[in-house]
Amino acid sequence: MPKKTIKVYNLEGKPAGKMELPLVFATPFRPDVIKRAVLAMQSNSFQRQGRDPMAGKRTTAESRGTGLAMARVPRVKGGAGTAAFAPGTVGGRQGHPPTSQKTIVKRISKKEKHLALNAAIAATALKEVVIKRGHAIEDVLEIPLIVTDDLENLKRTKEVEQALIHLGVLSDIYRVKESRKIRAGKGKKRGRKMKQAVGPLLVVSENKGIIEAARNIPGVDIAILKDLNVELLAPGAHAGRLTIWTNGAVERLGEMNDGGAKE
C-alpha cells in the first residue's frame, strides 16, 4: 500500500516541509473494536462493591403464619407487629445486593488491543470522523495536522495559545469554553465541579516543557507517544479526536508500528 504524503507546518501555520504518513494511518476504521478497548480500560478503575451478609437480618422478626388476617411478612416479637427482615420492609435486607465476587473487569486480547489503538490513530486522519465527533475544524490547516518539533520546546501557555491560533485550532478551544456547565444542586457529583467538552490532543515524542505550558488550556490534553492509549484518542469510546502530531512523534510512530495496518 503506497504511503500518503502530507504537509508539515511550523508554529506560524506555514508549510515547512512534507513527510510520508506511516502505514498505521491506513488501518481500517473499527469503532466496535475501539469501544471494547476503551471499556476494558475504564473497567480497571471500577471499585468492587459488596454488602454485609448480615445487613438487615439482625432482628427478632419472624412470620406469624396464616389465619390472622395479616400479611405473612416477618414481624418483630413483642411489639406492635412492625415488619422487618424481609426485602421491602423498613430496615430489611436487600433483595439482590451486589457482591464483591462479581467480575467487573473486562478483558481483551493483546492483538485486539493493538488493533484498537491503530484504528484510533487512523481515525484521527479521517476528516469526516473528526467532524462527526463534534470538533470545530473549519479553520484547521489539514487533517491529520502535523507540526514541527518546535512545539515540544514551548514553555509558556501564551506561546502555545499563539501556535494553536496559527494552526487553526482556536475555534475548537472556543467550542470547549462555550460548552462549560457548572454542576450545582442535587445533580452535583463529588469531585466534578464542572462539565465540559473534549478539546484537541497534542501528541509529542518527548516533553521539553510543552506539558506544563499547555495543561491549563481548556479541553487540551498532551500525551507523550510512549504513553498514548486508545482512551485518549477516543474519549467516551467515540473515535476521531482532533489530534495535533509533532513531526518526531509521527516518525517514531512509523518506526514502532509500520505494518500494523496489515492485521
Protein backbone atom coordinates (compact mmCIF):
# COMPACT_ATOMS: atom_id res chain seq x y z
CA MET A 1 0.00 0.00 0.00
CA PRO A 2 1.55 3.37 -1.03
CA LYS A 3 2.12 5.84 1.76
CA LYS A 4 0.28 9.18 1.75
CA THR A 5 2.39 12.34 1.67
CA ILE A 6 1.24 15.23 3.85
CA LYS A 7 2.49 18.72 4.70
CA VAL A 8 4.30 19.60 7.91
CA TYR A 9 3.55 23.05 9.35
CA ASN A 10 5.62 25.33 11.57
CA LEU A 11 4.31 27.25 14.59
CA GLU A 12 3.28 30.15 12.34
CA GLY A 13 0.97 27.89 10.35
CA LYS A 14 3.13 27.91 7.23
CA PRO A 15 4.28 24.77 5.35
CA ALA A 16 7.76 23.73 6.49
CA GLY A 17 8.13 20.52 4.50
CA LYS A 18 6.46 17.23 3.67
CA MET A 19 6.53 13.71 5.09
CA GLU A 20 5.03 10.30 4.41
CA LEU A 21 2.39 9.05 6.84
CA PRO A 22 3.19 5.66 8.43
CA LEU A 23 1.10 2.67 7.35
CA VAL A 24 -0.64 2.68 10.73
CA PHE A 25 -2.74 5.61 9.47
CA ALA A 26 -4.18 3.27 6.83
CA THR A 27 -5.67 0.91 9.43
CA PRO A 28 -9.38 0.25 8.72
CA PHE A 29 -11.79 2.19 10.93
CA ARG A 30 -13.15 -0.21 13.58
CA PRO A 31 -15.44 1.64 16.03
CA ASP A 32 -16.57 -1.69 17.55
CA VAL A 33 -13.03 -2.72 18.50
CA ILE A 34 -12.22 0.79 19.75
CA LYS A 35 -15.28 0.76 22.01
CA ARG A 36 -14.35 -2.62 23.53
CA ALA A 37 -10.80 -1.44 24.22
CA VAL A 38 -11.97 1.80 25.87
CA LEU A 39 -14.49 -0.02 28.07
CA ALA A 40 -11.79 -2.54 29.05
CA MET A 41 -9.50 0.33 30.11
CA GLN A 42 -12.25 2.08 32.07
CA SER A 43 -13.27 -1.14 33.86
CA ASN A 44 -9.85 -1.27 35.55
CA SER A 45 -10.77 1.82 37.57
CA PHE A 46 -14.06 0.40 38.86
CA GLN A 47 -14.27 -0.23 42.60
CA ARG A 48 -15.71 -3.50 43.81
CA GLN A 49 -18.91 -3.26 45.84
CA GLY A 50 -20.35 -5.62 48.42
CA ARG A 51 -22.76 -5.70 51.35
CA ASP A 52 -22.54 -7.06 54.87
CA PRO A 53 -24.10 -10.57 54.68
CA MET A 54 -25.99 -9.84 57.95
CA ALA A 55 -27.27 -6.40 56.91
CA GLY A 56 -30.99 -6.16 57.73
CA LYS A 57 -31.01 -9.58 59.42
CA ARG A 58 -30.09 -8.57 62.97
CA THR A 59 -33.64 -8.69 64.28
CA THR A 60 -36.03 -10.96 66.18
CA ALA A 61 -38.62 -10.80 63.40
CA GLU A 62 -40.46 -13.99 62.48
CA SER A 63 -43.55 -14.64 60.42
CA ARG A 64 -46.72 -15.30 62.45
CA GLY A 65 -48.07 -17.68 59.86
CA THR A 66 -51.54 -17.77 58.34
CA GLY A 67 -55.09 -17.32 59.61
CA LEU A 68 -54.53 -13.96 61.32
CA ALA A 69 -55.85 -11.74 58.52
CA MET A 70 -52.48 -10.07 58.02
CA ALA A 71 -49.60 -10.38 55.62
CA ARG A 72 -47.15 -13.19 56.31
CA VAL A 73 -44.03 -10.93 56.40
CA PRO A 74 -41.69 -11.38 59.39
CA ARG A 75 -42.70 -9.18 62.33
CA VAL A 76 -40.73 -8.05 65.38
CA LYS A 77 -41.59 -10.01 68.52
CA GLY A 78 -43.21 -8.30 71.47
CA GLY A 79 -44.05 -5.12 69.61
CA ALA A 80 -46.87 -3.66 67.58
CA GLY A 81 -46.26 -6.08 64.75
CA THR A 82 -43.71 -3.95 62.89
CA ALA A 83 -42.45 -5.77 59.80
CA ALA A 84 -38.70 -6.34 59.44
CA PHE A 85 -36.08 -8.60 57.86
CA ALA A 86 -37.85 -9.09 54.50
CA PRO A 87 -36.97 -7.05 51.41
CA GLY A 88 -39.30 -4.07 51.05
CA THR A 89 -39.67 -3.52 54.78
CA VAL A 90 -38.12 -0.65 56.74
CA GLY A 91 -34.62 -1.70 57.79
CA GLY A 92 -34.95 -5.01 55.95
CA ARG A 93 -32.34 -6.74 53.83
CA GLN A 94 -31.83 -6.00 50.15
CA GLY A 95 -33.40 -8.36 47.67
CA HIS A 96 -30.36 -8.88 45.45
CA PRO A 97 -27.41 -6.96 46.92
CA PRO A 98 -24.17 -6.50 44.94
CA THR A 99 -21.37 -8.92 45.76
CA SER A 100 -17.65 -8.25 45.75
CA GLN A 101 -17.11 -11.53 43.88
CA LYS A 102 -18.78 -10.20 40.72
CA THR A 103 -16.49 -9.92 37.70
CA ILE A 104 -16.38 -6.24 36.75
CA VAL A 105 -13.08 -6.04 34.82
CA LYS A 106 -13.47 -6.57 31.08
CA ARG A 107 -10.53 -8.15 29.29
CA ILE A 108 -9.43 -8.15 25.66
CA SER A 109 -6.52 -9.86 23.93
CA LYS A 110 -3.24 -8.08 23.20
CA LYS A 111 -3.87 -8.38 19.46
CA GLU A 112 -7.30 -6.75 19.75
CA LYS A 113 -5.90 -4.01 22.00
CA HIS A 114 -3.15 -3.29 19.46
CA LEU A 115 -5.68 -3.20 16.61
CA ALA A 116 -7.91 -0.82 18.57
CA LEU A 117 -5.00 1.58 19.17
CA ASN A 118 -4.02 1.51 15.49
CA ALA A 119 -7.64 2.07 14.42
CA ALA A 120 -7.98 5.02 16.84
CA ILE A 121 -4.77 6.54 15.46
CA ALA A 122 -6.03 6.12 11.89
CA ALA A 123 -9.38 7.72 12.82
CA THR A 124 -7.58 10.98 13.66
CA ALA A 125 -6.73 11.24 9.94
CA LEU A 126 -10.35 10.81 8.76
CA LYS A 127 -11.87 14.25 8.36
CA GLU A 128 -15.48 13.04 8.28
CA VAL A 129 -15.00 11.10 11.54
CA VAL A 130 -13.44 14.13 13.28
CA ILE A 131 -16.36 16.32 12.16
CA LYS A 132 -18.90 13.72 13.28
CA ARG A 133 -17.32 13.72 16.73
CA GLY A 134 -18.23 17.40 17.03
CA HIS A 135 -14.88 19.18 16.64
CA ALA A 136 -14.80 22.61 15.00
CA ILE A 137 -12.21 22.14 12.25
CA GLU A 138 -13.30 24.69 9.66
CA ASP A 139 -10.07 26.67 10.24
CA VAL A 140 -7.72 23.70 10.80
CA LEU A 141 -5.00 23.68 8.14
CA GLU A 142 -5.09 19.95 7.43
CA ILE A 143 -6.27 16.62 8.82
CA PRO A 144 -4.17 14.98 10.18
CA LEU A 145 -2.35 18.06 11.47
CA ILE A 146 1.42 17.61 11.77
CA VAL A 147 3.70 20.36 13.09
CA THR A 148 7.43 20.69 13.56
CA ASP A 149 9.16 19.57 16.74
CA ASP A 150 9.43 23.22 17.82
CA LEU A 151 6.05 22.71 19.50
CA GLU A 152 7.71 20.48 22.11
CA ASN A 153 10.05 23.31 23.18
CA LEU A 154 7.31 25.80 24.13
CA LYS A 155 7.35 26.60 27.84
CA ARG A 156 4.68 29.31 28.21
CA THR A 157 0.91 28.95 27.88
CA LYS A 158 0.71 32.15 25.84
CA GLU A 159 3.15 30.71 23.28
CA VAL A 160 1.09 27.52 22.95
CA GLU A 161 -2.13 29.51 22.51
CA GLN A 162 -0.49 31.61 19.79
CA ALA A 163 0.65 28.47 17.98
CA LEU A 164 -2.86 26.96 18.18
CA ILE A 165 -4.29 30.16 16.69
CA HIS A 166 -1.91 29.95 13.71
CA LEU A 167 -2.76 26.27 13.24
CA GLY A 168 -6.50 26.99 13.12
CA VAL A 169 -7.41 25.16 16.34
CA LEU A 170 -8.71 28.22 18.21
CA SER A 171 -12.32 27.64 17.13
CA ASP A 172 -12.29 24.23 18.79
CA ILE A 173 -10.93 25.78 22.01
CA TYR A 174 -13.84 28.27 21.95
CA ARG A 175 -16.23 25.36 21.46
CA VAL A 176 -14.89 23.81 24.67
CA LYS A 177 -15.21 27.07 26.61
CA GLU A 178 -18.80 27.58 25.48
CA SER A 179 -19.71 24.01 26.48
CA ARG A 180 -18.74 24.50 30.14
CA LYS A 181 -21.52 23.82 32.61
CA ILE A 182 -21.26 24.30 36.37
CA ARG A 183 -22.58 21.36 38.34
CA ALA A 184 -24.76 22.52 41.21
CA GLY A 185 -27.64 21.41 43.39
CA LYS A 186 -28.99 17.91 43.58
CA GLY A 187 -27.24 16.66 40.44
CA LYS A 188 -23.76 17.70 41.55
CA LYS A 189 -21.26 14.85 41.70
CA ARG A 190 -18.35 14.58 44.08
CA GLY A 191 -15.08 15.73 42.53
CA ARG A 192 -16.82 17.11 39.44
CA LYS A 193 -17.38 20.84 39.77
CA MET A 194 -17.61 21.42 36.03
CA LYS A 195 -18.58 19.54 32.89
CA GLN A 196 -17.08 20.46 29.50
CA ALA A 197 -16.50 19.05 26.04
CA VAL A 198 -13.26 17.37 24.97
CA GLY A 199 -10.81 19.51 23.00
CA PRO A 200 -7.74 18.73 20.89
CA LEU A 201 -4.98 16.28 21.79
CA LEU A 202 -1.29 17.10 21.37
CA VAL A 203 0.96 14.08 20.75
CA VAL A 204 4.70 14.71 21.20
CA SER A 205 7.75 12.47 21.11
CA GLU A 206 9.13 13.85 24.39
CA ASN A 207 8.33 16.52 26.95
CA LYS A 208 10.56 19.58 26.83
CA GLY A 209 8.12 21.84 28.64
CA ILE A 210 5.01 21.55 26.48
CA ILE A 211 3.01 19.57 29.07
CA GLU A 212 3.39 22.26 31.72
CA ALA A 213 2.74 25.01 29.18
CA ALA A 214 -0.47 23.58 27.66
CA ARG A 215 -2.17 21.87 30.59
CA ASN A 216 -4.20 24.96 31.57
CA ILE A 217 -5.77 25.44 28.14
CA PRO A 218 -9.43 24.27 28.34
CA GLY A 219 -10.06 20.87 26.85
CA VAL A 220 -6.49 20.32 25.65
CA ASP A 221 -4.67 17.12 26.60
CA ILE A 222 -0.99 16.37 25.99
CA ALA A 223 0.40 12.85 25.56
CA ILE A 224 3.91 11.55 25.03
CA LEU A 225 3.89 8.95 22.25
CA LYS A 226 5.00 6.10 24.52
CA ASP A 227 2.05 6.84 26.85
CA LEU A 228 -0.55 7.13 24.08
CA ASN A 229 -3.63 4.96 24.61
CA VAL A 230 -6.98 4.37 22.98
CA GLU A 231 -8.95 6.26 25.64
CA LEU A 232 -7.01 9.48 24.93
CA LEU A 233 -7.62 9.11 21.20
CA ALA A 234 -11.29 8.11 21.62
CA PRO A 235 -12.73 9.64 24.82
CA GLY A 236 -16.05 8.08 25.71
CA ALA A 237 -15.36 5.36 23.10
CA HIS A 238 -16.01 7.88 20.29
CA ALA A 239 -13.09 7.89 17.84
CA GLY A 240 -11.95 10.83 15.72
CA ARG A 241 -10.48 13.22 18.26
CA LEU A 242 -8.83 16.31 16.78
CA THR A 243 -5.13 15.46 17.19
CA ILE A 244 -2.02 17.53 16.59
CA TRP A 245 1.08 15.41 15.95
CA THR A 246 4.67 16.58 16.07
CA ASN A 247 6.98 15.53 13.28
CA GLY A 248 9.15 13.49 15.65
CA ALA A 249 6.14 11.68 17.13
CA VAL A 250 4.92 10.60 13.69
CA GLU A 251 8.40 9.40 12.68
CA ARG A 252 8.76 7.37 15.87
CA LEU A 253 5.22 6.04 15.41
CA GLY A 254 6.22 4.76 11.98
CA GLU A 255 9.29 3.01 13.41
CA MET A 256 7.17 1.33 16.08
CA ASN A 257 4.02 0.42 14.17
CA ASP A 258 4.63 0.18 10.42
CA GLY A 259 2.86 -2.94 9.29
CA GLY A 260 0.09 -2.61 11.90
CA ALA A 261 -2.43 -1.83 9.15
CA LYS A 262 -1.98 -5.35 7.76
CA GLU A 263 -3.50 -7.04 10.80
